[in-house]
Amino acid sequence: MNEQQNQQSGRTAIVTGAARGIGAAVAKRLSEDGFAVAILDLNEATCKPVVDEIEAAGGKALAVGVDVADEQAVQAAVARVAKELGAPTVLVNNAGIIRDNLLFKMTADDWDMVMGVHLRGSFLMSRATQKYMTEARWGRIVNLSSTSALGNRGQANYAAAKAGLQGFTKTLAIELGRFGVTVNAVAPGFIETEMTAATASRVGMPFEDFKAAAATEIPVGRVGRPADIAATVSFFVREEASFVSGQVIYVAGGPRA
């Protein structure tokens, strides 16, 4: 066990939206870092493959099905994690959905669903877990924002939610800092996931062509991978990052803000 794993051994992390994509990569990375990891997603069965992979590698994980926008469900899920894995002192608010459309076509349901998962969900999860962090006098919250927070055509709802998460992050950093809890945000650019593959399909472009086109606009010349985001989250939750709080890091292959 290396020094990083030693520091995190015995601690429990929760990752929402962790059945696939960025969330799954973050969960696996935190397990490698020594955390017991709760894999939360809408359907518990879809979390099982990630749990199995972590356990096969010698880690400890738990699958939990929860709608992060449901207050009672969140309270029950966090209580279950605390009972079965241990008090959660790391939270990664990754759960998210998209309901893209131009403003004049966007329905109120499109708006409400995106706000519900991203903002209400992050609020409910953070409120439910902060008591464990403040009692321990140590904690880490990492929120997943996006480069879309800077504005993106067809994403008024998503952009507003991701920008809102940045204000949420900075406010929690101010409120929770005196308890030894840091709160930061990661804002990914184009990341190769099922979500971006679905976007390519929706616009009628082969995914490889879609990625190649995106890469031409990125200074480092490639699109991102879930592991790129996981590595940044891993930094934020370390002991060495205890003086970094209220920050937003754009992981986008170039300067975005």
Protein backbone atom coordinates (compact mmCIF):
# COMPACT_ATOMS: atom_id res chain seq x y z
CA MET A 1 0.00 0.00 0.00
CA ASN A 2 1.47 3.37 -1.02
CA GLU A 3 1.33 6.58 1.06
CA GLN A 4 -1.77 7.88 -0.75
CA GLN A 5 -3.64 4.62 -0.12
CA ASN A 6 -2.53 4.70 3.51
CA GLN A 7 -3.99 8.18 3.96
CA GLN A 8 -7.37 7.19 2.50
CA SER A 9 -7.65 3.70 3.99
CA GLY A 10 -10.76 3.42 6.15
CA ARG A 11 -12.47 6.37 4.47
CA THR A 12 -15.63 6.12 2.41
CA ALA A 13 -16.46 7.99 -0.79
CA ILE A 14 -19.79 8.38 -2.59
CA VAL A 15 -19.88 8.92 -6.34
CA THR A 16 -23.23 9.68 -7.98
CA GLY A 17 -23.99 8.78 -11.57
CA ALA A 18 -21.28 6.14 -11.21
CA ALA A 19 -22.67 3.27 -13.26
CA ARG A 20 -20.83 4.39 -16.39
CA GLY A 21 -18.66 7.03 -18.01
CA ILE A 22 -16.97 9.65 -15.88
CA GLY A 23 -18.63 8.48 -12.68
CA ALA A 24 -17.45 4.90 -13.10
CA ALA A 25 -13.90 6.08 -13.85
CA VAL A 26 -13.90 8.30 -10.76
CA ALA A 27 -15.20 5.49 -8.55
CA LYS A 28 -12.52 3.08 -9.76
CA ARG A 29 -9.79 5.68 -9.30
CA LEU A 30 -10.90 6.46 -5.75
CA SER A 31 -10.90 2.75 -4.98
CA GLU A 32 -7.33 2.54 -6.26
CA ASP A 33 -6.54 5.48 -3.96
CA GLY A 34 -7.70 3.43 -0.97
CA PHE A 35 -11.32 4.50 -0.45
CA ALA A 36 -14.31 2.25 0.06
CA VAL A 37 -16.65 3.52 -2.66
CA ALA A 38 -20.44 3.71 -2.86
CA ILE A 39 -21.59 3.51 -6.48
CA LEU A 40 -24.83 5.47 -6.77
CA ASP A 41 -27.03 5.61 -9.84
CA LEU A 42 -30.71 5.61 -10.72
CA ASN A 43 -30.84 1.83 -11.09
CA GLU A 44 -28.93 -0.29 -8.58
CA ALA A 45 -28.50 -3.17 -11.03
CA THR A 46 -26.56 -0.98 -13.47
CA CYS A 47 -24.05 -0.19 -10.69
CA LYS A 48 -23.19 -3.85 -10.12
CA PRO A 49 -20.59 -4.23 -12.93
CA VAL A 50 -18.57 -1.32 -11.48
CA VAL A 51 -18.81 -2.84 -8.00
CA ASP A 52 -17.71 -6.21 -9.36
CA GLU A 53 -14.70 -4.64 -11.10
CA ILE A 54 -13.63 -2.81 -7.95
CA GLU A 55 -14.02 -5.90 -5.78
CA ALA A 56 -12.13 -8.05 -8.30
CA ALA A 57 -9.22 -5.62 -7.96
CA GLY A 58 -9.28 -5.99 -4.17
CA GLY A 59 -11.34 -2.92 -3.34
CA LYS A 60 -14.54 -2.45 -1.36
CA ALA A 61 -17.68 -1.08 -3.01
CA LEU A 62 -21.45 -0.91 -2.64
CA ALA A 63 -24.15 -0.46 -5.28
CA VAL A 64 -27.02 1.85 -4.34
CA GLY A 65 -29.96 2.84 -6.52
CA VAL A 66 -31.22 6.36 -5.89
CA ASP A 67 -32.87 9.30 -7.62
CA VAL A 68 -30.66 12.15 -6.39
CA ALA A 69 -33.52 14.62 -6.88
CA ASP A 70 -35.70 12.72 -4.36
CA GLU A 71 -35.10 14.07 -0.85
CA GLN A 72 -36.22 11.00 1.11
CA ALA A 73 -34.42 8.62 -1.26
CA VAL A 74 -31.18 10.56 -0.83
CA GLN A 75 -31.43 10.48 2.95
CA ALA A 76 -32.06 6.73 2.89
CA ALA A 77 -29.21 6.09 0.45
CA VAL A 78 -26.65 8.05 2.46
CA ALA A 79 -27.75 6.37 5.68
CA ARG A 80 -27.31 2.97 4.02
CA VAL A 81 -23.81 3.88 2.85
CA ALA A 82 -22.86 5.03 6.35
CA LYS A 83 -24.16 1.78 7.84
CA GLU A 84 -22.70 -0.65 5.30
CA LEU A 85 -19.44 1.05 4.21
CA GLY A 86 -18.74 3.68 6.84
CA ALA A 87 -19.33 7.39 7.32
CA PRO A 88 -18.98 9.06 3.89
CA THR A 89 -16.44 11.88 4.05
CA VAL A 90 -15.94 12.24 0.29
CA LEU A 91 -18.76 13.11 -2.11
CA VAL A 92 -18.47 13.43 -5.88
CA ASN A 93 -21.62 14.96 -7.36
CA ASN A 94 -21.39 13.59 -10.88
CA ALA A 95 -24.99 12.54 -11.68
CA GLY A 96 -26.32 14.41 -14.67
CA ILE A 97 -28.65 14.34 -17.65
CA ILE A 98 -29.06 16.38 -20.80
CA ARG A 99 -32.26 17.57 -22.44
CA ASP A 100 -30.79 19.74 -25.18
CA ASN A 101 -32.88 22.05 -27.32
CA LEU A 102 -32.98 25.62 -28.53
CA LEU A 103 -34.80 27.95 -26.15
CA PHE A 104 -37.98 28.24 -28.21
CA LYS A 105 -38.27 24.44 -28.37
CA MET A 106 -37.27 23.71 -24.78
CA THR A 107 -40.12 22.56 -22.56
CA ALA A 108 -40.56 23.36 -18.89
CA ASP A 109 -40.04 19.67 -18.18
CA ASP A 110 -36.71 19.77 -20.06
CA TRP A 111 -35.65 22.64 -17.83
CA ASP A 112 -36.94 21.18 -14.57
CA MET A 113 -35.45 17.71 -15.08
CA VAL A 114 -31.95 19.07 -15.75
CA MET A 115 -32.12 21.47 -12.82
CA GLY A 116 -33.49 18.70 -10.61
CA VAL A 117 -30.66 16.25 -11.21
CA HIS A 118 -27.74 18.67 -11.37
CA LEU A 119 -28.63 21.35 -8.84
CA ARG A 120 -31.26 19.86 -6.53
CA GLY A 121 -29.42 16.54 -6.58
CA SER A 122 -26.07 18.08 -5.67
CA PHE A 123 -27.74 20.13 -2.92
CA LEU A 124 -29.53 17.13 -1.42
CA MET A 125 -26.46 14.87 -1.57
CA SER A 126 -24.18 17.55 -0.10
CA ARG A 127 -26.61 18.36 2.70
CA ALA A 128 -27.03 14.68 3.58
CA THR A 129 -23.30 13.94 3.70
CA GLN A 130 -21.91 17.14 5.24
CA LYS A 131 -22.81 16.05 8.78
CA TYR A 132 -20.44 13.09 8.51
CA MET A 133 -17.70 15.38 7.23
CA THR A 134 -18.16 18.07 9.86
CA GLU A 135 -18.27 15.46 12.64
CA ALA A 136 -15.01 13.98 11.33
CA ARG A 137 -13.52 17.47 10.90
CA TRP A 138 -12.41 16.29 7.47
CA GLY A 139 -14.21 16.05 4.16
CA ARG A 140 -14.11 16.57 0.42
CA ILE A 141 -16.91 17.53 -1.96
CA VAL A 142 -16.20 17.61 -5.68
CA ASN A 143 -18.91 18.86 -8.04
CA LEU A 144 -18.92 18.15 -11.76
CA SER A 145 -19.47 21.33 -13.74
CA SER A 146 -18.73 21.68 -17.48
CA THR A 147 -17.26 24.01 -20.08
CA SER A 148 -20.92 24.47 -21.05
CA ALA A 149 -21.18 26.70 -17.95
CA LEU A 150 -19.57 29.34 -20.18
CA GLY A 151 -22.50 29.07 -22.61
CA ASN A 152 -23.35 26.53 -25.29
CA ARG A 153 -25.96 26.71 -28.04
CA GLY A 154 -28.92 24.44 -27.39
CA GLN A 155 -28.08 23.94 -23.73
CA ALA A 156 -29.70 26.81 -21.83
CA ASN A 157 -30.82 24.40 -19.11
CA TYR A 158 -27.57 22.43 -18.85
CA ALA A 159 -25.37 25.55 -19.05
CA ALA A 160 -27.38 27.28 -16.34
CA ALA A 161 -27.20 24.19 -14.10
CA LYS A 162 -23.45 23.78 -14.56
CA ALA A 163 -22.85 27.49 -13.93
CA GLY A 164 -25.05 27.22 -10.85
CA LEU A 165 -22.89 24.39 -9.55
CA GLN A 166 -19.89 26.71 -9.62
CA GLY A 167 -21.65 29.22 -7.35
CA PHE A 168 -22.79 26.34 -5.15
CA THR A 169 -19.21 25.10 -4.93
CA LYS A 170 -17.79 28.45 -3.87
CA THR A 171 -20.49 29.00 -1.26
CA LEU A 172 -20.06 25.58 0.33
CA ALA A 173 -16.29 26.14 0.40
CA ILE A 174 -16.90 29.26 2.50
CA GLU A 175 -19.41 27.58 4.83
CA LEU A 176 -17.60 24.29 5.38
CA GLY A 177 -13.94 25.30 5.35
CA ARG A 178 -13.71 25.80 9.12
CA PHE A 179 -14.72 22.16 9.58
CA GLY A 180 -11.82 20.85 7.52
CA VAL A 181 -14.02 20.30 4.47
CA THR A 182 -12.91 21.47 1.03
CA VAL A 183 -15.31 21.93 -1.89
CA ASN A 184 -14.13 22.18 -5.48
CA ALA A 185 -15.45 21.65 -8.98
CA VAL A 186 -14.16 19.99 -12.13
CA ALA A 187 -15.43 21.36 -15.45
CA PRO A 188 -14.80 18.84 -18.24
CA GLY A 189 -14.60 19.76 -21.88
CA PHE A 190 -15.31 17.16 -24.57
CA ILE A 191 -15.00 13.74 -22.91
CA GLU A 192 -15.45 10.46 -24.76
CA THR A 193 -18.51 8.93 -23.05
CA GLU A 194 -21.87 7.38 -23.90
CA MET A 195 -23.38 10.85 -23.54
CA THR A 196 -21.16 12.39 -26.22
CA ALA A 197 -21.71 9.31 -28.41
CA ALA A 198 -25.46 9.90 -28.10
CA THR A 199 -24.95 13.53 -29.12
CA ALA A 200 -23.07 12.40 -32.23
CA SER A 201 -25.88 10.01 -33.07
CA ARG A 202 -28.47 12.74 -32.60
CA VAL A 203 -26.71 15.03 -35.09
CA GLY A 204 -26.24 12.15 -37.53
CA MET A 205 -22.45 11.92 -37.42
CA PRO A 206 -20.30 8.79 -36.82
CA PHE A 207 -18.75 9.06 -33.36
CA GLU A 208 -15.18 8.79 -34.64
CA ASP A 209 -15.79 11.70 -37.01
CA PHE A 210 -17.50 13.63 -34.22
CA LYS A 211 -14.47 13.16 -31.95
CA ALA A 212 -12.04 14.04 -34.72
CA ALA A 213 -13.90 17.27 -35.43
CA ALA A 214 -13.92 18.17 -31.74
CA ALA A 215 -10.19 17.44 -31.43
CA THR A 216 -9.36 20.04 -34.07
CA GLU A 217 -10.69 22.73 -31.71
CA ILE A 218 -8.73 21.48 -28.66
CA PRO A 219 -5.18 22.80 -28.17
CA VAL A 220 -3.72 19.45 -27.06
CA GLY A 221 -5.16 17.82 -30.19
CA ARG A 222 -7.33 15.12 -28.64
CA VAL A 223 -10.64 14.70 -26.87
CA GLY A 224 -10.72 13.88 -23.18
CA ARG A 225 -11.17 10.53 -21.51
CA PRO A 226 -13.01 9.71 -18.26
CA ALA A 227 -9.63 8.92 -16.68
CA ASP A 228 -8.58 12.54 -17.22
CA ILE A 229 -11.43 13.69 -14.98
CA ALA A 230 -10.84 10.92 -12.45
CA ALA A 231 -7.22 12.03 -12.04
CA THR A 232 -8.32 15.59 -11.24
CA VAL A 233 -10.90 14.41 -8.71
CA SER A 234 -8.20 12.22 -7.15
CA PHE A 235 -6.06 15.32 -6.61
CA PHE A 236 -8.88 17.31 -4.99
CA VAL A 237 -9.61 14.63 -2.38
CA ARG A 238 -6.00 14.15 -1.24
CA GLU A 239 -4.53 15.39 2.01
CA GLU A 240 -2.09 17.49 -0.03
CA ALA A 241 -5.01 19.44 -1.51
CA SER A 242 -6.30 20.64 1.86
CA PHE A 243 -5.45 24.28 1.02
CA VAL A 244 -7.32 24.18 -2.30
CA SER A 245 -11.01 25.02 -1.94
CA GLY A 246 -13.70 26.89 -3.83
CA GLN A 247 -11.88 26.32 -7.12
CA VAL A 248 -13.11 25.33 -10.57
CA ILE A 249 -10.63 23.49 -12.79
CA TYR A 250 -11.44 23.28 -16.49
CA VAL A 251 -10.18 19.92 -17.74
CA ALA A 252 -10.59 20.63 -21.41
CA GLY A 253 -7.24 20.36 -23.14
CA GLY A 254 -6.75 24.10 -23.14
CA PRO A 255 -7.74 27.37 -21.44
CA ARG A 256 -11.49 27.87 -21.24
CA ALA A 257 -12.00 30.47 -18.51
